[in-house]
Amino acid sequence: MKGFFVILFSAMLFITSCSDDGGKSGDAAFSGDKERDLKSHNLDIKKERAGTRTPCDTLALQEYILENYPDGTHLLEFDKTNTYNIPKPAVLYKVKKNKNYVFALIAKSKVGERYVEKKNLTGYESSFINLDSTKLGTAFFYLTLFECNEQNGFAMLWEKEVPIHGGFNYMNYKKWKQKNIEYISLNFEYGIISGHRDFNYFFIDGIRNEPHLLETYEGIAHKRSFLSLNDDMYPDYWEYRYVDTVNYNKLIDSIPFYWDDKKQLYTTPVSKRWTRKY
């Protein structure tokens, strides 16, 4: 029995000595070198299993991000539609005037915190990370446009921040038929409002120029939808107001917001104090 306690005490000392750094030295969530090695290893496996390759395919983009972005950066993946689906990388390819463009949703880790993990940024449960994201790291999302060709590889044209930290679901390339303007919509699950948020990037001056951001959303007692309320090229929106109680939910008002190009803000005639960045 005495020997058992000696072994137990020695094991406790060993565990304590190994955990003085909080596990950071051996954890890819805190070690840039280890995280990079792990990503590189996984990428090599994907390359071996891939069939026909092109210089601008998704694996090439992942390699470009690994080599040119800071540690803790990820190319995001769509949320799984069911348990057994293979996640689809969050990229959209577009060919215009014989040029190859790649739109990608990229997540960067906040400096000084643990590196974020893709699994904590996608889907319904991850939407609550906005309440307290520091334990799992804080992600900054960017919709990024690359131009790519066989000779020069990838070149970034612009990146536009997405003002949210988790809950990514999917992205679509769409057209606003009313104004014949193309845009990309990023859909995020948002459990806090029991609904979803969409960040819509309108290519007012073409896709090579930084897009205009407008947020829409819909939940049990929250709704915002975009449309054109005047004759300019920028989308406007209606903000809906609800009374939400334990017994009932009722729409009581709707407020129009217009884009003010001089102020670079959304404003409403209802009140000068009510402005929105997007």
Protein backbone atom coordinates (compact mmCIF):
# COMPACT_ATOMS: atom_id res chain seq x y z
CA MET A 1 0.00 0.00 0.00
CA LYS A 2 2.88 2.30 0.85
CA GLY A 3 4.35 1.70 -2.60
CA PHE A 4 1.04 2.65 -4.20
CA PHE A 5 1.03 6.09 -2.50
CA VAL A 6 4.66 6.68 -3.55
CA ILE A 7 3.76 5.97 -7.19
CA LEU A 8 0.64 8.18 -6.96
CA PHE A 9 2.60 11.07 -5.41
CA SER A 10 5.29 10.80 -8.12
CA ALA A 11 2.64 10.82 -10.84
CA MET A 12 1.06 13.97 -9.38
CA LEU A 13 4.43 15.73 -9.33
CA PHE A 14 5.01 14.75 -12.97
CA ILE A 15 1.62 16.08 -14.05
CA THR A 16 2.15 19.34 -12.16
CA SER A 17 5.58 19.89 -13.68
CA CYS A 18 4.20 19.27 -17.18
CA SER A 19 1.31 21.69 -16.77
CA ASP A 20 3.18 24.74 -15.43
CA ASP A 21 2.82 26.45 -18.83
CA GLY A 22 -0.87 25.60 -19.08
CA GLY A 23 -0.13 23.06 -21.77
CA LYS A 24 0.88 25.76 -24.21
CA SER A 25 4.25 24.32 -25.20
CA GLY A 26 2.73 21.11 -26.50
CA ASP A 27 -0.61 22.45 -27.74
CA ALA A 28 -1.10 23.58 -31.31
CA ALA A 29 -3.64 26.11 -30.01
CA PHE A 30 -0.75 28.11 -28.51
CA SER A 31 2.32 26.97 -30.45
CA GLY A 32 2.71 28.54 -33.89
CA ASP A 33 5.29 25.99 -35.00
CA LYS A 34 3.17 23.03 -33.95
CA GLU A 35 0.02 24.45 -35.48
CA ARG A 36 1.83 25.10 -38.76
CA ASP A 37 3.34 21.59 -38.79
CA LEU A 38 -0.07 20.05 -38.16
CA LYS A 39 -1.69 22.03 -40.98
CA SER A 40 1.16 21.21 -43.34
CA HIS A 41 0.86 17.50 -42.53
CA ASN A 42 -2.90 17.49 -43.13
CA LEU A 43 -2.44 19.42 -46.38
CA ASP A 44 0.14 16.91 -47.62
CA ILE A 45 -2.34 14.10 -47.00
CA LYS A 46 -5.04 15.94 -48.96
CA LYS A 47 -2.61 16.47 -51.84
CA GLU A 48 -1.77 12.77 -51.95
CA ARG A 49 -5.45 11.85 -52.07
CA ALA A 50 -6.44 14.51 -54.60
CA GLY A 51 -7.07 13.64 -58.23
CA THR A 52 -6.54 16.19 -60.96
CA ARG A 53 -4.96 19.41 -59.67
CA THR A 54 -4.86 22.96 -61.03
CA PRO A 55 -2.59 25.87 -59.99
CA CYS A 56 -5.58 27.78 -58.57
CA ASP A 57 -7.50 25.01 -56.84
CA THR A 58 -8.57 25.06 -53.21
CA LEU A 59 -5.57 23.06 -52.00
CA ALA A 60 -3.27 25.60 -53.64
CA LEU A 61 -5.18 28.39 -51.87
CA GLN A 62 -4.85 26.61 -48.52
CA GLU A 63 -1.12 26.30 -49.10
CA TYR A 64 -0.90 29.99 -50.03
CA ILE A 65 -2.70 30.96 -46.79
CA LEU A 66 -0.43 28.69 -44.74
CA GLU A 67 2.71 30.28 -46.24
CA ASN A 68 1.61 33.93 -46.33
CA TYR A 69 -0.75 34.53 -43.39
CA PRO A 70 -0.03 34.72 -39.64
CA ASP A 71 -0.28 31.63 -37.44
CA GLY A 72 -3.82 30.84 -36.36
CA THR A 73 -5.34 31.71 -39.75
CA HIS A 74 -7.87 29.38 -41.39
CA LEU A 75 -9.76 29.03 -44.61
CA LEU A 76 -13.28 28.42 -43.26
CA GLU A 77 -15.58 25.55 -44.20
CA PHE A 78 -19.35 25.45 -44.75
CA ASP A 79 -21.39 23.98 -41.93
CA LYS A 80 -22.25 20.31 -42.36
CA THR A 81 -25.78 19.66 -43.63
CA ASN A 82 -25.74 16.34 -41.81
CA THR A 83 -23.45 14.28 -39.58
CA TYR A 84 -21.69 12.44 -42.38
CA ASN A 85 -21.03 15.24 -44.87
CA ILE A 86 -17.49 16.23 -45.74
CA PRO A 87 -17.20 19.98 -45.00
CA LYS A 88 -16.94 22.15 -48.11
CA PRO A 89 -14.29 24.91 -48.13
CA ALA A 90 -15.75 28.43 -48.00
CA VAL A 91 -14.64 29.49 -51.48
CA LEU A 92 -16.47 30.70 -54.58
CA TYR A 93 -14.86 30.75 -58.02
CA LYS A 94 -15.74 33.36 -60.65
CA VAL A 95 -14.40 33.93 -64.17
CA LYS A 96 -14.77 37.42 -65.61
CA LYS A 97 -13.11 38.75 -68.78
CA ASN A 98 -10.82 35.69 -68.88
CA LYS A 99 -9.57 36.34 -65.34
CA ASN A 100 -9.90 33.80 -62.54
CA TYR A 101 -11.19 35.11 -59.24
CA VAL A 102 -11.51 33.28 -55.93
CA PHE A 103 -13.66 34.58 -53.07
CA ALA A 104 -12.67 33.07 -49.73
CA LEU A 105 -13.84 33.45 -46.15
CA ILE A 106 -10.77 33.59 -43.94
CA ALA A 107 -10.59 33.63 -40.14
CA LYS A 108 -7.63 35.19 -38.32
CA SER A 109 -6.89 34.67 -34.63
CA LYS A 110 -6.68 37.65 -32.30
CA VAL A 111 -3.08 38.36 -31.32
CA GLY A 112 -2.28 37.40 -27.71
CA GLU A 113 -5.04 34.79 -27.40
CA ARG A 114 -5.09 31.08 -28.21
CA TYR A 115 -5.43 30.22 -31.87
CA VAL A 116 -8.99 29.64 -32.98
CA GLU A 117 -10.11 26.29 -34.36
CA LYS A 118 -12.41 25.92 -37.35
CA LYS A 119 -14.78 23.62 -35.48
CA ASN A 120 -15.47 26.44 -32.98
CA LEU A 121 -16.40 28.94 -35.70
CA THR A 122 -18.99 27.05 -37.73
CA GLY A 123 -22.62 26.15 -37.02
CA TYR A 124 -25.34 26.98 -34.52
CA GLU A 125 -23.49 26.22 -31.29
CA SER A 126 -20.52 28.38 -32.27
CA SER A 127 -22.82 31.40 -32.69
CA PHE A 128 -22.84 31.81 -28.91
CA ILE A 129 -19.07 32.41 -28.98
CA ASN A 130 -19.93 36.11 -29.36
CA LEU A 131 -20.94 36.16 -25.67
CA ASP A 132 -17.51 35.02 -24.46
CA SER A 133 -15.04 34.09 -27.16
CA THR A 134 -11.75 34.54 -25.31
CA LYS A 135 -11.53 31.00 -23.86
CA LEU A 136 -11.60 29.51 -27.35
CA GLY A 137 -9.78 32.43 -28.94
CA THR A 138 -11.34 35.29 -30.87
CA ALA A 139 -11.74 35.02 -34.63
CA PHE A 140 -11.83 37.93 -37.06
CA PHE A 141 -13.54 36.99 -40.31
CA TYR A 142 -12.62 38.47 -43.68
CA LEU A 143 -14.26 38.06 -47.06
CA THR A 144 -11.24 38.09 -49.34
CA LEU A 145 -10.88 38.27 -53.12
CA PHE A 146 -7.91 36.72 -54.88
CA GLU A 147 -6.96 36.83 -58.53
CA CYS A 148 -5.11 33.73 -59.68
CA ASN A 149 -3.24 32.56 -62.77
CA GLU A 150 -0.83 29.76 -63.60
CA GLN A 151 2.22 32.04 -63.91
CA ASN A 152 1.93 34.17 -60.76
CA GLY A 153 -0.35 32.17 -58.48
CA PHE A 154 -2.58 34.04 -56.03
CA ALA A 155 -2.69 37.81 -55.55
CA MET A 156 -5.02 39.40 -53.00
CA LEU A 157 -7.12 42.27 -54.40
CA TRP A 158 -8.99 43.19 -51.22
CA GLU A 159 -10.27 41.90 -47.90
CA LYS A 160 -13.38 43.15 -46.12
CA GLU A 161 -14.05 42.43 -42.45
CA VAL A 162 -17.15 40.49 -41.41
CA PRO A 163 -18.34 41.95 -38.06
CA ILE A 164 -19.03 38.68 -36.20
CA HIS A 165 -16.95 36.04 -34.40
CA GLY A 166 -18.71 32.71 -34.96
CA GLY A 167 -21.68 30.79 -36.34
CA PHE A 168 -20.70 30.61 -40.01
CA ASN A 169 -23.09 28.57 -42.12
CA TYR A 170 -22.60 29.14 -45.88
CA MET A 171 -21.95 31.74 -48.60
CA ASN A 172 -23.71 32.42 -51.92
CA TYR A 173 -23.07 34.49 -55.02
CA LYS A 174 -26.26 36.39 -55.91
CA LYS A 175 -27.65 39.22 -58.02
CA TRP A 176 -29.80 42.12 -56.80
CA LYS A 177 -32.18 42.12 -59.74
CA GLN A 178 -33.72 45.48 -58.95
CA LYS A 179 -30.41 47.23 -59.64
CA ASN A 180 -28.64 44.47 -61.58
CA ILE A 181 -25.81 44.41 -59.04
CA GLU A 182 -24.01 41.23 -58.00
CA TYR A 183 -23.28 40.51 -54.36
CA ILE A 184 -22.09 37.81 -52.00
CA SER A 185 -24.20 36.82 -49.01
CA LEU A 186 -22.57 35.24 -45.94
CA ASN A 187 -25.08 33.40 -43.77
CA PHE A 188 -24.39 33.00 -40.05
CA GLU A 189 -26.44 31.05 -37.54
CA TYR A 190 -27.27 33.29 -34.58
CA GLY A 191 -28.74 31.50 -31.59
CA ILE A 192 -28.87 34.67 -29.49
CA ILE A 193 -31.85 35.91 -31.57
CA SER A 194 -33.06 32.41 -32.46
CA GLY A 195 -32.40 33.10 -36.10
CA HIS A 196 -29.67 34.06 -38.53
CA ARG A 197 -27.64 37.06 -39.73
CA ASP A 198 -26.63 37.70 -43.33
CA PHE A 199 -23.72 39.94 -44.29
CA ASN A 200 -24.26 41.07 -47.88
CA TYR A 201 -21.35 42.47 -49.92
CA PHE A 202 -22.54 44.46 -52.94
CA PHE A 203 -20.18 45.06 -55.85
CA ILE A 204 -21.24 48.61 -56.59
CA ASP A 205 -18.06 49.31 -58.60
CA GLY A 206 -17.36 45.79 -59.84
CA ILE A 207 -15.78 42.84 -58.05
CA ARG A 208 -12.21 44.16 -58.24
CA ASN A 209 -13.12 47.03 -55.91
CA GLU A 210 -13.95 46.74 -52.22
CA PRO A 211 -17.67 45.94 -51.80
CA HIS A 212 -20.38 47.74 -49.86
CA LEU A 213 -21.57 45.92 -46.73
CA LEU A 214 -25.20 45.69 -45.62
CA GLU A 215 -26.39 43.40 -42.82
CA THR A 216 -29.80 41.73 -42.79
CA TYR A 217 -31.18 39.34 -40.18
CA GLU A 218 -34.25 37.49 -39.03
CA GLY A 219 -35.18 35.96 -35.67
CA ILE A 220 -38.19 35.45 -33.43
CA ALA A 221 -38.40 39.15 -32.59
CA HIS A 222 -35.77 40.61 -34.94
CA LYS A 223 -35.92 41.38 -38.63
CA ARG A 224 -34.19 43.56 -41.20
CA SER A 225 -34.67 43.24 -44.97
CA PHE A 226 -33.02 45.18 -47.79
CA LEU A 227 -34.56 46.87 -50.82
CA SER A 228 -34.26 50.10 -52.78
CA LEU A 229 -35.99 53.09 -51.20
CA ASN A 230 -34.50 55.69 -53.56
CA ASP A 231 -32.83 55.77 -56.96
CA ASP A 232 -29.16 55.42 -55.99
CA MET A 233 -27.11 52.23 -56.45
CA TYR A 234 -26.85 51.42 -52.74
CA PRO A 235 -29.26 49.05 -51.02
CA ASP A 236 -31.45 50.46 -48.26
CA TYR A 237 -33.36 48.51 -45.64
CA TRP A 238 -36.39 48.29 -43.36
CA GLU A 239 -35.79 47.72 -39.64
CA TYR A 240 -38.75 46.01 -37.97
CA ARG A 241 -39.64 46.56 -34.32
CA TYR A 242 -41.42 43.99 -32.17
CA VAL A 243 -42.98 43.67 -28.74
CA ASP A 244 -41.78 40.34 -27.42
CA THR A 245 -43.22 38.98 -24.17
CA VAL A 246 -43.75 35.59 -22.60
CA ASN A 247 -47.33 35.50 -23.91
CA TYR A 248 -47.06 36.99 -27.40
CA ASN A 249 -44.85 38.44 -30.12
CA LYS A 250 -46.15 41.37 -32.16
CA LEU A 251 -44.78 43.61 -34.90
CA ILE A 252 -45.39 47.24 -33.90
CA ASP A 253 -43.38 49.36 -36.35
CA SER A 254 -40.97 49.43 -39.29
CA ILE A 255 -38.32 52.07 -39.87
CA PRO A 256 -36.55 52.87 -43.16
CA PHE A 257 -32.78 53.40 -43.30
CA TYR A 258 -30.98 55.03 -46.26
CA TRP A 259 -27.30 54.97 -47.18
CA ASP A 260 -25.67 58.40 -46.82
CA ASP A 261 -22.62 58.30 -49.09
CA LYS A 262 -21.15 61.49 -47.61
CA LYS A 263 -21.37 60.29 -44.00
CA GLN A 264 -20.67 56.67 -44.98
CA LEU A 265 -23.50 55.63 -42.67
CA TYR A 266 -27.06 54.38 -42.81
CA THR A 267 -29.42 57.07 -41.49
CA THR A 268 -33.17 57.35 -40.96
CA PRO A 269 -35.55 60.35 -41.11
CA VAL A 270 -37.11 59.07 -37.88
CA SER A 271 -34.18 60.27 -35.77
CA LYS A 272 -30.81 61.89 -36.52
CA ARG A 273 -29.29 59.95 -33.64
CA TRP A 274 -30.02 56.57 -35.21
CA THR A 275 -27.19 55.62 -37.54
CA ARG A 276 -25.74 52.28 -38.59
CA LYS A 277 -22.38 51.45 -40.17
CA TYR A 278 -23.82 48.57 -42.13
